[in-house]
Every structure is written in C-alpha cells, then in structure tokens.
C-alpha cells in the first residue's frame, strides 16, 4: 500500500485499473506467489478497507482514490 500511496502523491487521484500497470513487477509477483493475483476489483476492495478504517486513501469521484492527507 505504501507503493500505491507514493504513486498517488506523484500522479494525483487514480482508478485501480490505472494504478495496476504502474506497480512494480515484484509487487505483482508477490501477489501471484500468495495465489492472489492483483485485479482492479481486488485492488479496489483492499483500498476500500483502508478507506473504511481511515488509513492511506480517500475516495474521490468516478471511482478514483487519492492519498489521504493528514
């Protein structure tokens, strides 16, 4: 999630489908090794958990997420 938070700080609000191609290959490989390959739906679900708990991300319009400030 730190990698995603840094990406959002650089690029601004993005949709999960826009975030996935920007993630490092090692991140995708790590997810695959845990038999949990990343898809836009799975990434959205994981980010929504963080939003619910008030950590890392804020929801924005049109299904985008931004890095939480403060």
PDB file of N, CA and C in Angstrom:
ATOM      1  N   UNK A   1       0.815  -1.194   0.000  1.00  0.00           N
ATOM      2  CA  UNK A   1       0.000   0.000   0.000  1.00  0.00           C
ATOM      3  C   UNK A   1       0.861   1.260   0.000  1.00  0.00           C
ATOM      4  N   UNK A   2       2.054   1.163   0.557  1.00  0.00           N
ATOM      5  CA  UNK A   2       2.947   2.314   0.550  1.00  0.00           C
ATOM      6  C   UNK A   2       3.310   2.703  -0.879  1.00  0.00           C
ATOM      7  N   UNK A   3       3.536   1.715  -1.711  1.00  0.00           N
ATOM      8  CA  UNK A   3       3.868   1.975  -3.109  1.00  0.00           C
ATOM      9  C   UNK A   3       2.726   2.717  -3.807  1.00  0.00           C
ATOM     10  N   UNK A   4       1.503   2.324  -3.523  1.00  0.00           N
ATOM     11  CA  UNK A   4       0.335   2.973  -4.123  1.00  0.00           C
ATOM     12  C   UNK A   4       0.192   4.391  -3.585  1.00  0.00           C
ATOM     13  N   UNK A   5       0.387   4.575  -2.282  1.00  0.00           N
ATOM     14  CA  UNK A   5       0.289   5.908  -1.686  1.00  0.00           C
ATOM     15  C   UNK A   5       1.308   6.858  -2.314  1.00  0.00           C
ATOM     16  N   UNK A   6       2.516   6.389  -2.560  1.00  0.00           N
ATOM     17  CA  UNK A   6       3.542   7.215  -3.199  1.00  0.00           C
ATOM     18  C   UNK A   6       3.157   7.552  -4.639  1.00  0.00           C
ATOM     19  N   UNK A   7       2.593   6.586  -5.348  1.00  0.00           N
ATOM     20  CA  UNK A   7       2.155   6.811  -6.715  1.00  0.00           C
ATOM     21  C   UNK A   7       1.057   7.874  -6.761  1.00  0.00           C
ATOM     22  N   UNK A   8       0.096   7.786  -5.840  1.00  0.00           N
ATOM     23  CA  UNK A   8      -0.993   8.752  -5.800  1.00  0.00           C
ATOM     24  C   UNK A   8      -0.491  10.150  -5.431  1.00  0.00           C
ATOM     25  N   UNK A   9       0.522  10.219  -4.592  1.00  0.00           N
ATOM     26  CA  UNK A   9       1.099  11.516  -4.232  1.00  0.00           C
ATOM     27  C   UNK A   9       1.750  12.170  -5.455  1.00  0.00           C
ATOM     28  N   UNK A  10       2.344  11.363  -6.309  1.00  0.00           N
ATOM     29  CA  UNK A  10       3.010  11.882  -7.511  1.00  0.00           C
ATOM     30  C   UNK A  10       2.030  12.228  -8.624  1.00  0.00           C
ATOM     31  N   UNK A  11       1.051  11.357  -8.854  1.00  0.00           N
ATOM     32  CA  UNK A  11       0.194  11.469 -10.036  1.00  0.00           C
ATOM     33  C   UNK A  11      -1.194  12.015  -9.765  1.00  0.00           C
ATOM     34  N   UNK A  12      -1.608  12.055  -8.487  1.00  0.00           N
ATOM     35  CA  UNK A  12      -2.959  12.504  -8.162  1.00  0.00           C
ATOM     36  C   UNK A  12      -3.932  11.341  -8.144  1.00  0.00           C
ATOM     37  N   UNK A  13      -5.226  11.637  -7.991  1.00  0.00           N
ATOM     38  CA  UNK A  13      -6.241  10.578  -7.895  1.00  0.00           C
ATOM     39  C   UNK A  13      -6.273   9.681  -9.132  1.00  0.00           C
ATOM     40  N   UNK A  14      -6.314   8.363  -8.875  1.00  0.00           N
ATOM     41  CA  UNK A  14      -6.349   7.371  -9.952  1.00  0.00           C
ATOM     42  C   UNK A  14      -7.353   6.273  -9.635  1.00  0.00           C
ATOM     43  N   UNK A  15      -7.824   5.608 -10.678  1.00  0.00           N
ATOM     44  CA  UNK A  15      -8.670   4.431 -10.525  1.00  0.00           C
ATOM     45  C   UNK A  15      -7.768   3.207 -10.338  1.00  0.00           C
ATOM     46  N   UNK A  16      -8.283   2.148  -9.702  1.00  0.00           N
ATOM     47  CA  UNK A  16      -7.477   0.931  -9.544  1.00  0.00           C
ATOM     48  C   UNK A  16      -6.925   0.398 -10.872  1.00  0.00           C
ATOM     49  N   UNK A  17      -7.707   0.472 -11.937  1.00  0.00           N
ATOM     50  CA  UNK A  17      -7.235  -0.004 -13.237  1.00  0.00           C
ATOM     51  C   UNK A  17      -6.074   0.840 -13.763  1.00  0.00           C
ATOM     52  N   UNK A  18      -5.986   2.085 -13.332  1.00  0.00           N
ATOM     53  CA  UNK A  18      -4.878   2.954 -13.729  1.00  0.00           C
ATOM     54  C   UNK A  18      -3.658   2.735 -12.841  1.00  0.00           C
ATOM     55  N   UNK A  19      -3.888   2.253 -11.630  1.00  0.00           N
ATOM     56  CA  UNK A  19      -2.803   2.027 -10.667  1.00  0.00           C
ATOM     57  C   UNK A  19      -2.042   0.746 -10.998  1.00  0.00           C
ATOM     58  N   UNK A  20      -2.752  -0.319 -11.330  1.00  0.00           N
ATOM     59  CA  UNK A  20      -2.123  -1.629 -11.535  1.00  0.00           C
ATOM     60  C   UNK A  20      -0.937  -1.630 -12.497  1.00  0.00           C
ATOM     61  N   UNK A  21      -1.032  -1.014 -13.671  1.00  0.00           N
ATOM     62  CA  UNK A  21       0.117  -1.067 -14.578  1.00  0.00           C
ATOM     63  C   UNK A  21       1.340  -0.300 -14.059  1.00  0.00           C
ATOM     64  N   UNK A  22       1.127   0.590 -13.109  1.00  0.00           N
ATOM     65  CA  UNK A  22       2.226   1.391 -12.569  1.00  0.00           C
ATOM     66  C   UNK A  22       2.970   0.697 -11.428  1.00  0.00           C
ATOM     67  N   UNK A  23       2.418  -0.387 -10.902  1.00  0.00           N
ATOM     68  CA  UNK A  23       3.058  -1.092  -9.794  1.00  0.00           C
ATOM     69  C   UNK A  23       4.267  -1.878 -10.282  1.00  0.00           C
ATOM     70  N   UNK A  24       5.237  -2.013  -9.410  1.00  0.00           N
ATOM     71  CA  UNK A  24       6.454  -2.740  -9.757  1.00  0.00           C
ATOM     72  C   UNK A  24       6.141  -4.208 -10.027  1.00  0.00           C
ATOM     73  N   UNK A  25       6.964  -4.820 -10.853  1.00  0.00           N
ATOM     74  CA  UNK A  25       6.793  -6.235 -11.196  1.00  0.00           C
ATOM     75  C   UNK A  25       6.884  -7.104  -9.942  1.00  0.00           C
ATOM     76  N   UNK A  26       7.745  -6.731  -9.007  1.00  0.00           N
ATOM     77  CA  UNK A  26       7.895  -7.518  -7.781  1.00  0.00           C
ATOM     78  C   UNK A  26       6.598  -7.511  -6.951  1.00  0.00           C
ATOM     79  N   UNK A  27       5.839  -6.443  -7.036  1.00  0.00           N
ATOM     80  CA  UNK A  27       4.557  -6.372  -6.321  1.00  0.00           C
ATOM     81  C   UNK A  27       3.566  -7.363  -6.924  1.00  0.00           C
ATOM     82  N   UNK A  28       3.482  -7.389  -8.250  1.00  0.00           N
ATOM     83  CA  UNK A  28       2.586  -8.336  -8.927  1.00  0.00           C
ATOM     84  C   UNK A  28       3.039  -9.777  -8.671  1.00  0.00           C
ATOM     85  N   UNK A  29       4.339 -10.002  -8.717  1.00  0.00           N
ATOM     86  CA  UNK A  29       4.877 -11.348  -8.480  1.00  0.00           C
ATOM     87  C   UNK A  29       4.588 -11.803  -7.056  1.00  0.00           C
ATOM     88  N   UNK A  30       4.752 -10.925  -6.095  1.00  0.00           N
ATOM     89  CA  UNK A  30       4.474 -11.273  -4.702  1.00  0.00           C
ATOM     90  C   UNK A  30       3.021 -11.675  -4.502  1.00  0.00           C
ATOM     91  N   UNK A  31       2.121 -10.947  -5.142  1.00  0.00           N
ATOM     92  CA  UNK A  31       0.702 -11.298  -5.042  1.00  0.00           C
ATOM     93  C   UNK A  31       0.435 -12.655  -5.686  1.00  0.00           C
ATOM     94  N   UNK A  32       1.062 -12.911  -6.821  1.00  0.00           N
ATOM     95  CA  UNK A  32       0.877 -14.196  -7.505  1.00  0.00           C
ATOM     96  C   UNK A  32       1.405 -15.354  -6.669  1.00  0.00           C
ATOM     97  N   UNK A  33       2.534 -15.139  -6.010  1.00  0.00           N
ATOM     98  CA  UNK A  33       3.109 -16.196  -5.179  1.00  0.00           C
ATOM     99  C   UNK A  33       2.211 -16.538  -3.991  1.00  0.00           C
ATOM    100  N   UNK A  34       1.397 -15.587  -3.584  1.00  0.00           N
ATOM    101  CA  UNK A  34       0.440 -15.831  -2.498  1.00  0.00           C
ATOM    102  C   UNK A  34      -0.910 -16.293  -3.044  1.00  0.00           C
ATOM    103  N   UNK A  35      -0.897 -16.681  -4.336  1.00  0.00           N
ATOM    104  CA  UNK A  35      -2.108 -17.176  -5.015  1.00  0.00           C
ATOM    105  C   UNK A  35      -3.252 -16.173  -4.941  1.00  0.00           C
ATOM    106  N   UNK A  36      -2.889 -14.902  -5.103  1.00  0.00           N
ATOM    107  CA  UNK A  36      -3.872 -13.819  -5.012  1.00  0.00           C
ATOM    108  C   UNK A  36      -3.485 -12.728  -6.008  1.00  0.00           C
ATOM    109  N   UNK A  37      -3.515 -13.055  -7.309  1.00  0.00           N
ATOM    110  CA  UNK A  37      -3.088 -12.085  -8.309  1.00  0.00           C
ATOM    111  C   UNK A  37      -3.944 -10.821  -8.233  1.00  0.00           C
ATOM    112  N   UNK A  38      -3.315  -9.702  -8.522  1.00  0.00           N
ATOM    113  CA  UNK A  38      -3.999  -8.423  -8.420  1.00  0.00           C
ATOM    114  C   UNK A  38      -4.855  -8.157  -9.646  1.00  0.00           C
ATOM    115  N   UNK A  39      -6.087  -7.766  -9.395  1.00  0.00           N
ATOM    116  CA  UNK A  39      -7.004  -7.319 -10.431  1.00  0.00           C
ATOM    117  C   UNK A  39      -7.543  -5.967  -9.973  1.00  0.00           C
ATOM    118  N   UNK A  40      -8.135  -5.194 -10.869  1.00  0.00           N
ATOM    119  CA  UNK A  40      -8.714  -3.923 -10.427  1.00  0.00           C
ATOM    120  C   UNK A  40      -9.755  -4.104  -9.315  1.00  0.00           C
ATOM    121  N   UNK A  41     -10.548  -5.164  -9.394  1.00  0.00           N
ATOM    122  CA  UNK A  41     -11.561  -5.421  -8.367  1.00  0.00           C
ATOM    123  C   UNK A  41     -10.958  -5.733  -7.004  1.00  0.00           C
ATOM    124  N   UNK A  42      -9.923  -6.564  -6.993  1.00  0.00           N
ATOM    125  CA  UNK A  42      -9.271  -6.902  -5.724  1.00  0.00           C
ATOM    126  C   UNK A  42      -8.558  -5.691  -5.136  1.00  0.00           C
ATOM    127  N   UNK A  43      -7.922  -4.903  -5.991  1.00  0.00           N
ATOM    128  CA  UNK A  43      -7.239  -3.712  -5.508  1.00  0.00           C
ATOM    129  C   UNK A  43      -8.245  -2.719  -4.933  1.00  0.00           C
ATOM    130  N   UNK A  44      -9.382  -2.553  -5.613  1.00  0.00           N
ATOM    131  CA  UNK A  44     -10.435  -1.654  -5.124  1.00  0.00           C
ATOM    132  C   UNK A  44     -10.925  -2.117  -3.742  1.00  0.00           C
ATOM    133  N   UNK A  45     -11.128  -3.416  -3.596  1.00  0.00           N
ATOM    134  CA  UNK A  45     -11.608  -3.962  -2.324  1.00  0.00           C
ATOM    135  C   UNK A  45     -10.602  -3.690  -1.210  1.00  0.00           C
ATOM    136  N   UNK A  46      -9.331  -3.892  -1.485  1.00  0.00           N
ATOM    137  CA  UNK A  46      -8.293  -3.664  -0.476  1.00  0.00           C
ATOM    138  C   UNK A  46      -8.171  -2.189  -0.126  1.00  0.00           C
ATOM    139  N   UNK A  47      -8.311  -1.349  -1.126  1.00  0.00           N
ATOM    140  CA  UNK A  47      -8.246   0.090  -0.863  1.00  0.00           C
ATOM    141  C   UNK A  47      -9.474   0.561  -0.088  1.00  0.00           C
ATOM    142  N   UNK A  48     -10.647  -0.022  -0.384  1.00  0.00           N
ATOM    143  CA  UNK A  48     -11.864   0.333   0.348  1.00  0.00           C
ATOM    144  C   UNK A  48     -11.752  -0.009   1.829  1.00  0.00           C
ATOM    145  N   UNK A  49     -11.069  -1.098   2.151  1.00  0.00           N
ATOM    146  CA  UNK A  49     -10.843  -1.456   3.561  1.00  0.00           C
ATOM    147  C   UNK A  49     -10.042  -0.357   4.238  1.00  0.00           C
ATOM    148  N   UNK A  50      -9.005   0.136   3.550  1.00  0.00           N
ATOM    149  CA  UNK A  50      -8.195   1.222   4.124  1.00  0.00           C
ATOM    150  C   UNK A  50      -9.006   2.498   4.271  1.00  0.00           C
ATOM    151  N   UNK A  51      -9.866   2.796   3.298  1.00  0.00           N
ATOM    152  CA  UNK A  51     -10.735   3.977   3.379  1.00  0.00           C
ATOM    153  C   UNK A  51     -11.666   3.847   4.580  1.00  0.00           C
ATOM    154  N   UNK A  52     -12.266   2.685   4.756  1.00  0.00           N
ATOM    155  CA  UNK A  52     -13.189   2.447   5.869  1.00  0.00           C
ATOM    156  C   UNK A  52     -12.519   2.703   7.212  1.00  0.00           C
ATOM    157  N   UNK A  53     -11.270   2.300   7.338  1.00  0.00           N
ATOM    158  CA  UNK A  53     -10.540   2.472   8.592  1.00  0.00           C
ATOM    159  C   UNK A  53      -9.803   3.806   8.667  1.00  0.00           C
ATOM    160  N   UNK A  54      -9.972   4.638   7.665  1.00  0.00           N
ATOM    161  CA  UNK A  54      -9.360   5.960   7.664  1.00  0.00           C
ATOM    162  C   UNK A  54      -7.863   5.957   7.484  1.00  0.00           C
ATOM    163  N   UNK A  55      -7.349   4.993   6.729  1.00  0.00           N
ATOM    164  CA  UNK A  55      -5.901   4.864   6.539  1.00  0.00           C
ATOM    165  C   UNK A  55      -5.530   4.977   5.060  1.00  0.00           C
ATOM    166  N   UNK A  56      -4.480   5.693   4.778  1.00  0.00           N
ATOM    167  CA  UNK A  56      -3.812   5.808   3.472  1.00  0.00           C
ATOM    168  C   UNK A  56      -4.588   6.537   2.372  1.00  0.00           C
ATOM    169  N   UNK A  57      -5.858   6.185   2.143  1.00  0.00           N
ATOM    170  CA  UNK A  57      -6.560   6.667   0.957  1.00  0.00           C
ATOM    171  C   UNK A  57      -7.879   7.345   1.283  1.00  0.00           C
ATOM    172  N   UNK A  58      -8.310   8.208   0.332  1.00  0.00           N
ATOM    173  CA  UNK A  58      -9.620   8.850   0.380  1.00  0.00           C
ATOM    174  C   UNK A  58     -10.325   8.557  -0.945  1.00  0.00           C
ATOM    175  N   UNK A  59     -11.620   8.285  -0.907  1.00  0.00           N
ATOM    176  CA  UNK A  59     -12.332   8.069  -2.172  1.00  0.00           C
ATOM    177  C   UNK A  59     -12.564   9.415  -2.865  1.00  0.00           C
ATOM    178  N   UNK A  60     -12.537   9.388  -4.174  1.00  0.00           N
ATOM    179  CA  UNK A  60     -12.830  10.578  -4.977  1.00  0.00           C
ATOM    180  C   UNK A  60     -13.891  10.215  -5.998  1.00  0.00           C
ATOM    181  N   UNK A  61     -14.300  11.179  -6.786  1.00  0.00           N
ATOM    182  CA  UNK A  61     -15.348  10.934  -7.771  1.00  0.00           C
ATOM    183  C   UNK A  61     -14.885   9.971  -8.868  1.00  0.00           C
ATOM    184  N   UNK A  62     -15.841   9.373  -9.513  1.00  0.00           N
ATOM    185  CA  UNK A  62     -15.630   8.458 -10.635  1.00  0.00           C
ATOM    186  C   UNK A  62     -14.767   7.247 -10.289  1.00  0.00           C
ATOM    187  N   UNK A  63     -14.826   6.763  -9.034  1.00  0.00           N
ATOM    188  CA  UNK A  63     -14.099   5.558  -8.643  1.00  0.00           C
ATOM    189  C   UNK A  63     -12.614   5.753  -8.446  1.00  0.00           C
ATOM    190  N   UNK A  64     -12.185   6.976  -8.310  1.00  0.00           N
ATOM    191  CA  UNK A  64     -10.765   7.267  -8.102  1.00  0.00           C
ATOM    192  C   UNK A  64     -10.435   7.304  -6.616  1.00  0.00           C
ATOM    193  N   UNK A  65      -9.168   7.116  -6.319  1.00  0.00           N
ATOM    194  CA  UNK A  65      -8.662   7.195  -4.953  1.00  0.00           C
ATOM    195  C   UNK A  65      -7.503   8.193  -4.912  1.00  0.00           C
ATOM    196  N   UNK A  66      -7.411   8.907  -3.799  1.00  0.00           N
ATOM    197  CA  UNK A  66      -6.316   9.843  -3.592  1.00  0.00           C
ATOM    198  C   UNK A  66      -5.619   9.480  -2.298  1.00  0.00           C
ATOM    199  N   UNK A  67      -4.401   9.927  -2.163  1.00  0.00           N
ATOM    200  CA  UNK A  67      -3.658   9.702  -0.922  1.00  0.00           C
ATOM    201  C   UNK A  67      -4.271  10.572   0.175  1.00  0.00           C
ATOM    202  N   UNK A  68      -4.488   9.982   1.322  1.00  0.00           N
ATOM    203  CA  UNK A  68      -5.060  10.712   2.440  1.00  0.00           C
ATOM    204  C   UNK A  68      -4.017  11.674   3.008  1.00  0.00           C
ATOM    205  N   UNK A  69      -4.429  12.898   3.225  1.00  0.00           N
ATOM    206  CA  UNK A  69      -3.543  13.921   3.761  1.00  0.00           C
ATOM    207  C   UNK A  69      -3.913  14.143   5.221  1.00  0.00           C
ATOM    208  N   UNK A  70      -2.921  14.065   6.073  1.00  0.00           N
ATOM    209  CA  UNK A  70      -3.134  14.355   7.491  1.00  0.00           C
ATOM    210  C   UNK A  70      -3.668  13.289   8.307  1.00  0.00           C
TER     211      UNK A  70
END
